[in-house]
């Protein structure tokens, strides 16, 4: 156990004196406070931890740390920013695990999961013990843990990093969401490197404006230390913005511009693509599409910056397949089925453009798509327009409606459909029935894309998560069609 003085040594204390005693645990959840715990009062989107100061002190909390003035409150310590303090205290409580593991963060609108997961798989193949923090799952080498957020809270992150270090992990690759950056959940992590994939329209329900969203992503690179590396997608117009104020050593990757790591797509089909990376011999990769060429380049560049040879990196990358829910491909009854997490306009356009580049145009491209509830509403008509423009038939359906009425979500989507394309569309709110309709519409040779939920195995309706797996349902229906 740590003395309170030890875990607050990096904080700027404004008010209050430090109680003497060993810290038995840290929490920002008032319900979890036990005698000897330190409660960090953080103002969240729905609840303000400062409202529970008296309650947790009465429960025996050793101290409360917050950023609001409470003169004379015994056991209360004021700091400039309690969210920042939470991360730093958690790092100290768990003995600064990121000083012993090389932690690389991946941020951007699209590609975070693919890049971080491919890095994990690559370094496992290279013989290292590796940790992973991602949307799909968390891993401590070969142990799989549940993942509930793209980036966990600060205490959970430090606890997981400590467990990785205790397990002998050399590296941790983690997704870094804009929410986590803004809420300072990554405070206290000493990153070895940061990767920027791209930035497009998303999360404006939280950030309010695209500029705020951009600034949140940029803040991650602003905080990288001198000895870290910052690797950015030079073909994204905001890639250079990420590097403007970083102290880290700057690197870039691209398919078009001059950069440190460069590739060219030579061929591609539904089985993969042929790339020439830098001046290395051309190689065949099992992932497809321009967006995956960028993802592979990000992984390739990161491996080189972490000391792996170019040849060895490329050899192992050619062996890696797609990540769960990311261009997840199956074929039954002569019909190609693709399940993808594409839930932003840019991601949906990317996946549809790739399919259209590969297909012969003698077959139908049937897209099933919806939009999540309680999320950015502005993208709904845009996604509907993209789907109808780039597909031969579209079925609009529910995604994760959450607390919203799915019919209203579909109304907002349909508002974006051009009158000339309306005849291509149908509306089936029940997602299972929508997938069934797409299968019934398809004939041998056709392609069905189920977009939006990818790896998720549930559908969130009115706060209840009902079991639902797009890929399993699609495969089941295609097998029935075959029989």
Protein backbone atom coordinates (compact mmCIF):
# COMPACT_ATOMS: atom_id res chain seq x y z
CA UNK A 1 0.00 0.00 0.00
CA UNK A 2 1.05 3.59 -0.61
CA UNK A 3 1.04 6.60 1.67
CA UNK A 4 -1.24 9.40 0.48
CA UNK A 5 1.80 11.68 0.37
CA UNK A 6 3.42 9.35 -2.18
CA UNK A 7 0.51 9.19 -4.65
CA UNK A 8 -0.12 12.95 -4.56
CA UNK A 9 3.50 14.04 -4.99
CA UNK A 10 2.96 15.15 -8.61
CA UNK A 11 -0.15 17.20 -7.83
CA UNK A 12 -0.41 20.94 -7.26
CA UNK A 13 -2.34 21.13 -3.97
CA UNK A 14 -4.39 24.32 -3.67
CA UNK A 15 -6.33 23.74 -0.45
CA UNK A 16 -6.30 21.28 2.45
CA UNK A 17 -3.63 19.25 4.19
CA UNK A 18 -2.76 15.62 3.52
CA UNK A 19 -4.10 13.15 6.10
CA UNK A 20 -1.60 10.54 7.27
CA UNK A 21 -2.34 6.95 6.39
CA UNK A 22 -2.05 4.18 3.85
CA UNK A 23 -4.23 4.32 0.76
CA UNK A 24 -6.15 1.07 0.39
CA UNK A 25 -7.69 2.00 -2.95
CA UNK A 26 -8.74 4.74 -5.33
CA UNK A 27 -12.21 5.29 -6.75
CA UNK A 28 -14.34 7.94 -8.41
CA UNK A 29 -17.51 5.94 -7.65
CA UNK A 30 -18.97 6.98 -4.29
CA UNK A 31 -20.68 3.59 -3.96
CA UNK A 32 -17.30 1.81 -3.89
CA UNK A 33 -15.74 3.88 -1.11
CA UNK A 34 -14.44 1.90 1.87
CA UNK A 35 -12.41 2.99 4.91
CA UNK A 36 -8.91 3.94 3.77
CA UNK A 37 -9.96 4.71 0.17
CA UNK A 38 -9.30 8.01 -1.58
CA UNK A 39 -12.29 9.34 -3.48
CA UNK A 40 -11.59 11.55 -6.48
CA UNK A 41 -14.50 13.88 -7.19
CA UNK A 42 -14.85 14.22 -10.97
CA UNK A 43 -17.60 16.11 -12.76
CA UNK A 44 -19.04 13.77 -15.38
CA UNK A 45 -21.60 14.26 -18.11
CA UNK A 46 -24.44 13.22 -15.79
CA UNK A 47 -23.14 13.19 -12.20
CA UNK A 48 -20.80 15.50 -10.30
CA UNK A 49 -18.65 13.65 -7.78
CA UNK A 50 -18.37 16.80 -5.66
CA UNK A 51 -22.00 16.23 -4.62
CA UNK A 52 -20.91 13.14 -2.66
CA UNK A 53 -18.03 14.58 -0.62
CA UNK A 54 -19.82 14.47 2.74
CA UNK A 55 -21.21 11.00 2.05
CA UNK A 56 -17.84 9.41 1.27
CA UNK A 57 -16.09 11.11 4.20
CA UNK A 58 -18.78 9.68 6.47
CA UNK A 59 -18.07 6.22 5.00
CA UNK A 60 -14.45 6.45 6.16
CA UNK A 61 -12.65 7.77 3.09
CA UNK A 62 -9.06 8.66 3.96
CA UNK A 63 -9.33 11.77 1.79
CA UNK A 64 -11.31 13.36 -1.03
CA UNK A 65 -9.60 15.05 -3.97
CA UNK A 66 -11.59 17.56 -6.02
CA UNK A 67 -11.22 20.77 -7.99
CA UNK A 68 -13.95 22.85 -6.36
CA UNK A 69 -13.24 25.10 -3.36
CA UNK A 70 -14.57 23.72 -0.06
CA UNK A 71 -12.90 25.83 2.67
CA UNK A 72 -12.57 24.17 6.05
CA UNK A 73 -13.76 20.76 4.87
CA UNK A 74 -11.71 18.24 6.88
CA UNK A 75 -10.17 15.56 4.66
CA UNK A 76 -10.83 17.48 1.44
CA UNK A 77 -7.93 18.39 -0.88
CA UNK A 78 -8.40 20.83 -3.75
CA UNK A 79 -6.37 20.52 -6.96
CA UNK A 80 -6.57 22.50 -10.22
CA UNK A 81 -8.09 19.59 -12.20
CA UNK A 82 -9.39 16.46 -10.50
CA UNK A 83 -9.64 14.47 -13.78
CA UNK A 84 -5.95 15.06 -14.41
CA UNK A 85 -5.17 14.28 -10.76
CA UNK A 86 -7.07 10.98 -10.99
CA UNK A 87 -4.80 9.67 -13.75
CA UNK A 88 -1.61 10.80 -12.04
CA UNK A 89 -2.66 9.36 -8.68
CA UNK A 90 -3.63 6.05 -10.31
CA UNK A 91 -0.24 5.87 -12.04
CA UNK A 92 1.54 6.42 -8.72
CA UNK A 93 -0.72 3.96 -6.86
CA UNK A 94 0.14 1.22 -9.39
CA UNK A 95 3.87 2.12 -9.42
CA UNK A 96 3.97 3.81 -12.83
CA UNK A 97 3.58 0.71 -15.04
CA UNK A 98 3.95 2.68 -18.30
CA UNK A 99 7.56 3.38 -17.31
CA UNK A 100 8.21 -0.35 -17.57
CA UNK A 101 6.12 -1.18 -20.66
CA UNK A 102 6.28 0.50 -24.06
CA UNK A 103 2.76 1.91 -24.49
CA UNK A 104 1.66 3.05 -27.95
CA UNK A 105 -1.65 4.89 -28.38
CA UNK A 106 -3.72 4.93 -31.57
CA UNK A 107 -6.20 7.74 -32.19
CA UNK A 108 -8.36 8.83 -35.12
CA UNK A 109 -11.95 8.48 -36.30
CA UNK A 110 -11.53 5.22 -38.20
CA UNK A 111 -8.90 2.48 -38.01
CA UNK A 112 -8.07 2.58 -34.28
CA UNK A 113 -9.25 -0.97 -33.61
CA UNK A 114 -7.65 -2.45 -36.71
CA UNK A 115 -4.28 -0.75 -36.16
CA UNK A 116 -4.05 -1.56 -32.44
CA UNK A 117 -5.19 -5.17 -32.94
CA UNK A 118 -2.82 -5.77 -35.86
CA UNK A 119 0.03 -4.36 -33.77
CA UNK A 120 -0.89 -6.73 -30.95
CA UNK A 121 -1.03 -9.72 -33.33
CA UNK A 122 2.20 -8.72 -35.09
CA UNK A 123 4.22 -8.42 -31.89
CA UNK A 124 2.83 -11.69 -30.53
CA UNK A 125 4.02 -13.36 -33.75
CA UNK A 126 7.40 -11.70 -33.21
CA UNK A 127 7.67 -13.51 -29.87
CA UNK A 128 6.86 -10.71 -27.42
CA UNK A 129 4.39 -10.68 -24.57
CA UNK A 130 1.86 -8.00 -25.43
CA UNK A 131 -1.14 -6.19 -23.96
CA UNK A 132 -4.10 -4.75 -25.89
CA UNK A 133 -6.75 -2.20 -24.91
CA UNK A 134 -9.37 -1.94 -27.65
CA UNK A 135 -13.04 -1.55 -28.46
CA UNK A 136 -13.40 -5.23 -29.32
CA UNK A 137 -11.47 -6.75 -26.39
CA UNK A 138 -8.71 -6.18 -23.87
CA UNK A 139 -5.88 -8.67 -23.64
CA UNK A 140 -3.09 -9.39 -21.23
CA UNK A 141 -1.08 -11.49 -23.66
CA UNK A 142 -3.24 -14.61 -24.12
CA UNK A 143 -5.81 -13.68 -21.46
CA UNK A 144 -8.99 -12.07 -22.84
CA UNK A 145 -10.86 -9.52 -20.74
CA UNK A 146 -14.21 -7.84 -21.38
CA UNK A 147 -14.07 -4.44 -23.06
CA UNK A 148 -16.84 -1.95 -22.26
CA UNK A 149 -15.28 1.29 -23.54
CA UNK A 150 -12.89 2.19 -26.36
CA UNK A 151 -10.62 3.61 -23.63
CA UNK A 152 -11.31 2.58 -19.98
CA UNK A 153 -11.29 5.01 -17.02
CA UNK A 154 -7.92 6.13 -15.65
CA UNK A 155 -7.88 3.78 -12.67
CA UNK A 156 -8.80 0.76 -14.81
CA UNK A 157 -6.11 1.64 -17.36
CA UNK A 158 -3.37 1.84 -14.75
CA UNK A 159 -4.58 -1.37 -13.10
CA UNK A 160 -4.54 -3.17 -16.47
CA UNK A 161 -1.08 -1.81 -17.30
CA UNK A 162 0.18 -3.05 -13.92
CA UNK A 163 -1.27 -6.50 -14.60
CA UNK A 164 0.41 -6.48 -18.02
CA UNK A 165 3.75 -5.58 -16.48
CA UNK A 166 3.37 -8.25 -13.79
CA UNK A 167 2.60 -10.74 -16.56
CA UNK A 168 5.86 -9.84 -18.29
CA UNK A 169 4.42 -7.81 -21.16
CA UNK A 170 6.90 -5.75 -23.16
CA UNK A 171 4.36 -3.68 -25.08
CA UNK A 172 0.80 -2.40 -24.81
CA UNK A 173 -1.12 -1.12 -27.84
CA UNK A 174 -4.21 0.85 -26.99
CA UNK A 175 -6.99 2.77 -28.68
CA UNK A 176 -7.23 6.36 -27.50
CA UNK A 177 -10.68 7.87 -28.05
CA UNK A 178 -11.44 11.58 -28.23
CA UNK A 179 -13.70 11.19 -25.18
CA UNK A 180 -10.81 9.68 -23.21
CA UNK A 181 -8.45 12.48 -24.23
CA UNK A 182 -10.96 15.21 -23.36
CA UNK A 183 -11.85 13.54 -20.04
CA UNK A 184 -8.13 13.03 -19.27
CA UNK A 185 -8.48 9.30 -18.81
CA UNK A 186 -4.98 8.89 -20.26
CA UNK A 187 -3.36 11.26 -17.73
CA UNK A 188 -0.46 9.53 -16.00
CA UNK A 189 0.43 7.27 -18.95
CA UNK A 190 3.95 7.78 -20.28
CA UNK A 191 3.51 6.92 -23.95
CA UNK A 192 6.32 5.55 -26.09
CA UNK A 193 4.48 6.62 -29.22
CA UNK A 194 1.27 7.91 -30.72
CA UNK A 195 -0.39 7.11 -34.06
CA UNK A 196 -2.93 9.23 -35.95
CA UNK A 197 -5.09 7.40 -38.51
CA UNK A 198 -7.52 10.04 -39.85
CA UNK A 199 -10.27 12.36 -38.72
CA UNK A 200 -13.76 12.72 -40.16
CA UNK A 201 -17.29 13.58 -39.03
CA UNK A 202 -18.07 11.83 -35.73
CA UNK A 203 -18.88 12.38 -32.03
CA UNK A 204 -20.24 15.90 -32.57
CA UNK A 205 -23.01 14.98 -30.12
CA UNK A 206 -20.27 15.10 -27.45
CA UNK A 207 -17.76 17.65 -28.75
CA UNK A 208 -20.28 20.09 -30.23
CA UNK A 209 -18.15 21.18 -33.19
CA UNK A 210 -15.63 19.54 -35.51
CA UNK A 211 -13.01 22.01 -34.30
CA UNK A 212 -13.45 20.80 -30.71
CA UNK A 213 -13.20 17.20 -31.90
CA UNK A 214 -10.00 18.03 -33.78
CA UNK A 215 -8.53 19.78 -30.74
CA UNK A 216 -9.27 16.74 -28.56
CA UNK A 217 -7.33 14.47 -30.92
CA UNK A 218 -4.49 16.99 -31.17
CA UNK A 219 -4.22 17.23 -27.37
CA UNK A 220 -2.99 13.62 -27.30
CA UNK A 221 0.02 14.52 -29.46
CA UNK A 222 0.60 17.78 -27.58
CA UNK A 223 1.11 15.72 -24.42
CA UNK A 224 3.60 13.19 -25.83
CA UNK A 225 7.05 13.40 -24.18
CA UNK A 226 10.28 14.35 -25.96
CA UNK A 227 11.50 10.76 -26.20
CA UNK A 228 8.28 9.46 -27.83
CA UNK A 229 7.45 9.22 -31.53
CA UNK A 230 4.40 10.70 -33.27
CA UNK A 231 3.35 8.90 -36.45
CA UNK A 232 0.69 10.55 -38.60
CA UNK A 233 -1.22 9.91 -41.82
CA UNK A 234 0.19 12.56 -44.17
CA UNK A 235 -2.60 12.08 -46.72
CA UNK A 236 -5.18 13.27 -44.19
CA UNK A 237 -5.37 17.05 -44.39
CA UNK A 238 -5.38 17.28 -40.58
CA UNK A 239 -2.43 14.94 -40.14
CA UNK A 240 -0.01 17.88 -40.00
CA UNK A 241 -2.23 19.63 -37.43
CA UNK A 242 -1.65 16.76 -35.00
CA UNK A 243 2.10 17.42 -35.08
CA UNK A 244 2.08 21.22 -34.75
CA UNK A 245 2.95 21.40 -31.06
CA UNK A 246 4.19 17.93 -30.23
CA UNK A 247 7.55 17.50 -28.53
CA UNK A 248 7.78 13.94 -29.87
CA UNK A 249 9.89 12.98 -32.89
CA UNK A 250 7.69 13.31 -35.98
CA UNK A 251 7.13 10.66 -38.65
CA UNK A 252 4.53 10.17 -41.37
CA UNK A 253 3.06 7.51 -43.65
CA UNK A 254 1.12 7.86 -46.90
CA UNK A 255 -0.07 6.38 -50.16
CA UNK A 256 0.21 9.69 -52.05
CA UNK A 257 2.51 12.25 -50.44
CA UNK A 258 6.22 12.06 -49.72
CA UNK A 259 6.61 10.48 -46.29
CA UNK A 260 8.78 8.30 -44.07
CA UNK A 261 6.74 5.18 -44.81
CA UNK A 262 5.04 4.88 -48.19
CA UNK A 263 3.10 2.23 -50.09
CA UNK A 264 1.41 1.71 -53.44
CA UNK A 265 -1.54 -0.59 -54.16
CA UNK A 266 -0.74 -2.76 -57.20
CA UNK A 267 -3.75 -5.11 -57.22
CA UNK A 268 -6.71 -6.00 -55.03
CA UNK A 269 -9.74 -8.29 -54.91
CA UNK A 270 -11.92 -9.85 -52.20
CA UNK A 271 -9.03 -12.10 -51.15
CA UNK A 272 -6.55 -9.31 -50.41
CA UNK A 273 -4.22 -6.83 -52.06
CA UNK A 274 -0.74 -6.59 -53.52
CA UNK A 275 1.34 -3.73 -52.09
CA UNK A 276 4.77 -2.35 -52.61
CA UNK A 277 5.89 -0.86 -49.28
CA UNK A 278 8.87 1.52 -49.39
CA UNK A 279 11.52 -0.12 -51.58
CA UNK A 280 10.82 -3.61 -50.29
CA UNK A 281 9.71 -6.43 -52.64
CA UNK A 282 5.99 -6.38 -53.43
CA UNK A 283 3.90 -8.49 -51.06
CA UNK A 284 0.38 -9.89 -50.88
CA UNK A 285 -1.71 -8.96 -47.82
CA UNK A 286 -4.92 -10.60 -46.64
CA UNK A 287 -6.69 -7.31 -45.91
CA UNK A 288 -8.37 -5.36 -48.69
CA UNK A 289 -9.12 -1.75 -49.53
CA UNK A 290 -7.34 1.56 -49.54
CA UNK A 291 -8.28 2.23 -45.91
CA UNK A 292 -6.59 -1.02 -44.90
CA UNK A 293 -3.49 -0.07 -46.88
CA UNK A 294 -3.28 2.97 -44.58
CA UNK A 295 -3.84 0.76 -41.53
CA UNK A 296 -1.09 -1.63 -42.62
CA UNK A 297 1.28 1.29 -43.21
CA UNK A 298 0.59 2.64 -39.72
CA UNK A 299 1.39 -0.77 -38.25
CA UNK A 300 4.48 -1.18 -40.45
CA UNK A 301 5.84 2.27 -39.53
CA UNK A 302 5.22 1.70 -35.83
CA UNK A 303 7.03 -1.64 -35.86
CA UNK A 304 10.07 -0.04 -37.53
CA UNK A 305 10.06 2.77 -34.95
CA UNK A 306 9.96 0.13 -32.20
CA UNK A 307 13.08 -1.52 -33.59
CA UNK A 308 11.77 -4.33 -35.80
CA UNK A 309 13.41 -4.83 -39.20
CA UNK A 310 11.45 -3.96 -42.36
CA UNK A 311 11.70 -7.43 -43.85
CA UNK A 312 10.60 -9.21 -40.69
CA UNK A 313 7.71 -6.78 -40.20
CA UNK A 314 6.41 -7.28 -43.75
CA UNK A 315 6.77 -11.05 -43.54
CA UNK A 316 4.53 -11.27 -40.48
CA UNK A 317 2.05 -8.63 -41.69
CA UNK A 318 1.29 -10.72 -44.78
CA UNK A 319 0.11 -13.51 -42.46
CA UNK A 320 -2.46 -11.41 -40.58
CA UNK A 321 -6.18 -11.43 -41.41
CA UNK A 322 -9.01 -8.99 -40.81
CA UNK A 323 -10.07 -7.89 -37.34
CA UNK A 324 -13.46 -9.06 -36.02
CA UNK A 325 -16.23 -6.89 -37.44
CA UNK A 326 -13.92 -5.05 -39.83
CA UNK A 327 -14.58 -6.19 -43.42
CA UNK A 328 -15.56 -9.57 -41.97
CA UNK A 329 -16.06 -11.63 -45.10
CA UNK A 330 -18.03 -14.83 -45.72
CA UNK A 331 -19.43 -16.65 -48.74
CA UNK A 332 -22.45 -18.95 -48.78
CA UNK A 333 -24.88 -20.00 -51.53
CA UNK A 334 -22.76 -18.12 -54.05
CA UNK A 335 -23.46 -14.85 -52.21
CA UNK A 336 -20.71 -12.72 -50.65
CA UNK A 337 -21.55 -11.35 -47.20
CA UNK A 338 -19.54 -8.57 -45.54
CA UNK A 339 -20.02 -7.34 -41.97
CA UNK A 340 -18.34 -4.07 -41.05
CA UNK A 341 -18.37 -1.65 -38.12
CA UNK A 342 -18.68 1.34 -40.50
CA UNK A 343 -20.81 3.75 -38.48
CA UNK A 344 -19.53 7.10 -39.77
CA UNK A 345 -20.06 8.65 -43.22
CA UNK A 346 -16.39 8.34 -44.12
CA UNK A 347 -16.12 4.70 -43.00
CA UNK A 348 -19.29 3.74 -44.88
CA UNK A 349 -18.09 5.48 -48.03
CA UNK A 350 -14.69 3.79 -47.77
CA UNK A 351 -16.13 0.30 -47.47
CA UNK A 352 -18.64 0.80 -50.29
CA UNK A 353 -16.03 2.30 -52.61
CA UNK A 354 -13.73 -0.66 -52.00
CA UNK A 355 -16.52 -3.13 -52.78
CA UNK A 356 -17.41 -1.21 -55.95
CA UNK A 357 -13.78 -1.19 -57.07
CA UNK A 358 -13.58 -4.97 -56.74
CA UNK A 359 -17.00 -6.05 -58.04
CA UNK A 360 -17.69 -6.51 -61.76
CA UNK A 361 -20.94 -4.45 -61.78
CA UNK A 362 -22.88 -7.47 -63.09
CA UNK A 363 -24.03 -8.18 -59.53
CA UNK A 364 -26.14 -6.33 -56.99
CA UNK A 365 -24.64 -4.60 -53.97
CA UNK A 366 -27.26 -4.70 -51.21
CA UNK A 367 -26.50 -2.61 -48.12
CA UNK A 368 -28.22 -2.92 -44.73
CA UNK A 369 -27.52 0.13 -42.59
CA UNK A 370 -28.87 2.18 -39.67
CA UNK A 371 -27.62 4.84 -37.26
CA UNK A 372 -27.18 4.66 -33.50
CA UNK A 373 -29.49 6.49 -31.11
CA UNK A 374 -28.28 9.12 -28.63
CA UNK A 375 -25.39 9.90 -30.96
CA UNK A 376 -24.51 12.52 -33.57
CA UNK A 377 -27.75 13.16 -35.50
CA UNK A 378 -26.13 15.24 -38.24
CA UNK A 379 -24.55 12.19 -39.85
CA UNK A 380 -27.82 10.30 -40.34
CA UNK A 381 -28.97 11.83 -43.65
CA UNK A 382 -25.37 11.87 -44.89
CA UNK A 383 -24.95 8.14 -44.31
CA UNK A 384 -28.26 7.39 -46.02
CA UNK A 385 -27.22 9.44 -49.04
CA UNK A 386 -23.86 7.63 -49.25
CA UNK A 387 -25.50 4.21 -48.94
CA UNK A 388 -28.02 4.88 -51.73
CA UNK A 389 -25.45 6.52 -54.00
CA UNK A 390 -22.98 3.62 -53.79
CA UNK A 391 -25.33 0.59 -53.54
CA UNK A 392 -27.82 -0.93 -55.95
CA UNK A 393 -30.30 -1.62 -53.14
CA UNK A 394 -30.45 -0.35 -49.54
CA UNK A 395 -32.38 -1.59 -46.52
CA UNK A 396 -32.62 1.02 -43.74
CA UNK A 397 -32.97 -0.52 -40.30
CA UNK A 398 -32.36 -0.03 -36.59
CA UNK A 399 -28.77 -0.01 -35.31
CA UNK A 400 -28.52 0.54 -31.52
CA UNK A 401 -31.50 2.88 -31.01
CA UNK A 402 -30.74 3.19 -27.29
CA UNK A 403 -33.27 5.61 -25.76
CA UNK A 404 -34.48 7.01 -29.10
CA UNK A 405 -37.44 5.90 -31.20
CA UNK A 406 -35.93 3.89 -34.08
CA UNK A 407 -38.66 5.13 -36.42
CA UNK A 408 -37.55 8.73 -35.86
CA UNK A 409 -33.93 7.77 -36.55
CA UNK A 410 -35.01 6.21 -39.85
CA UNK A 411 -37.05 9.30 -40.71
CA UNK A 412 -33.93 11.43 -40.25
CA UNK A 413 -31.88 9.04 -42.38
CA UNK A 414 -34.43 8.97 -45.21
CA UNK A 415 -34.39 12.76 -45.36
CA UNK A 416 -30.95 12.43 -46.97
CA UNK A 417 -32.05 10.12 -49.80
CA UNK A 418 -32.18 11.90 -53.18
CA UNK A 419 -35.55 11.55 -54.92
CA UNK A 420 -33.87 9.77 -57.83
CA UNK A 421 -32.54 7.04 -55.49
CA UNK A 422 -35.60 6.52 -53.32
CA UNK A 423 -36.77 3.57 -55.44
CA UNK A 424 -33.58 1.72 -54.42
CA UNK A 425 -34.54 1.72 -50.76
CA UNK A 426 -36.77 -0.10 -48.34
CA UNK A 427 -37.31 0.41 -44.63
CA UNK A 428 -37.49 -2.50 -42.17
CA UNK A 429 -37.02 -1.42 -38.58
CA UNK A 430 -36.45 -4.91 -37.15
CA UNK A 431 -32.75 -5.56 -37.86
CA UNK A 432 -33.09 -9.34 -38.15
CA UNK A 433 -35.93 -8.94 -40.64
CA UNK A 434 -33.88 -6.38 -42.54
CA UNK A 435 -30.99 -8.84 -42.91
CA UNK A 436 -33.46 -11.53 -43.95
CA UNK A 437 -34.89 -9.22 -46.62
CA UNK A 438 -31.41 -8.51 -47.98
CA UNK A 439 -30.71 -12.25 -48.23
CA UNK A 440 -34.02 -12.84 -50.01
CA UNK A 441 -33.23 -10.04 -52.46
CA UNK A 442 -29.82 -11.50 -53.29
CA UNK A 443 -29.04 -14.00 -56.02
CA UNK A 444 -25.81 -15.94 -56.60
CA UNK A 445 -22.94 -13.57 -57.32
CA UNK A 446 -24.48 -10.67 -55.37
CA UNK A 447 -22.87 -8.89 -52.41
CA UNK A 448 -24.54 -8.02 -49.10
CA UNK A 449 -22.99 -5.45 -46.75
CA UNK A 450 -24.27 -5.29 -43.16
CA UNK A 451 -22.88 -2.02 -41.80
CA UNK A 452 -22.73 -0.26 -38.45
CA UNK A 453 -22.37 -2.83 -35.66
CA UNK A 454 -19.49 -5.03 -36.77
CA UNK A 455 -18.10 -7.02 -33.84
CA UNK A 456 -20.94 -6.15 -31.44
CA UNK A 457 -22.95 -9.10 -30.16
CA UNK A 458 -25.90 -7.11 -28.83
CA UNK A 459 -28.49 -4.53 -29.81
CA UNK A 460 -29.07 -1.71 -27.30
CA UNK A 461 -32.80 -0.89 -27.05
CA UNK A 462 -34.13 1.31 -24.24
CA UNK A 463 -31.14 0.53 -22.03
CA UNK A 464 -31.36 -3.24 -22.49
CA UNK A 465 -28.68 -5.09 -24.48
CA UNK A 466 -30.39 -7.87 -26.42
CA UNK A 467 -28.21 -10.63 -27.94
CA UNK A 468 -27.61 -9.81 -31.61
CA UNK A 469 -24.73 -10.77 -33.89
CA UNK A 470 -24.87 -9.46 -37.48
CA UNK A 471 -22.39 -12.00 -38.83
CA UNK A 472 -24.01 -15.00 -37.14
CA UNK A 473 -27.48 -14.01 -38.33
CA UNK A 474 -26.30 -13.31 -41.88
CA UNK A 475 -24.43 -16.62 -42.07
CA UNK A 476 -27.39 -18.56 -40.67
CA UNK A 477 -29.75 -17.08 -43.25
CA UNK A 478 -27.37 -17.65 -46.15
CA UNK A 479 -26.90 -21.29 -45.12
CA UNK A 480 -30.69 -21.73 -45.00
CA UNK A 481 -30.90 -20.22 -48.46
CA UNK A 482 -28.35 -22.72 -49.74
CA UNK A 483 -30.25 -25.67 -48.27
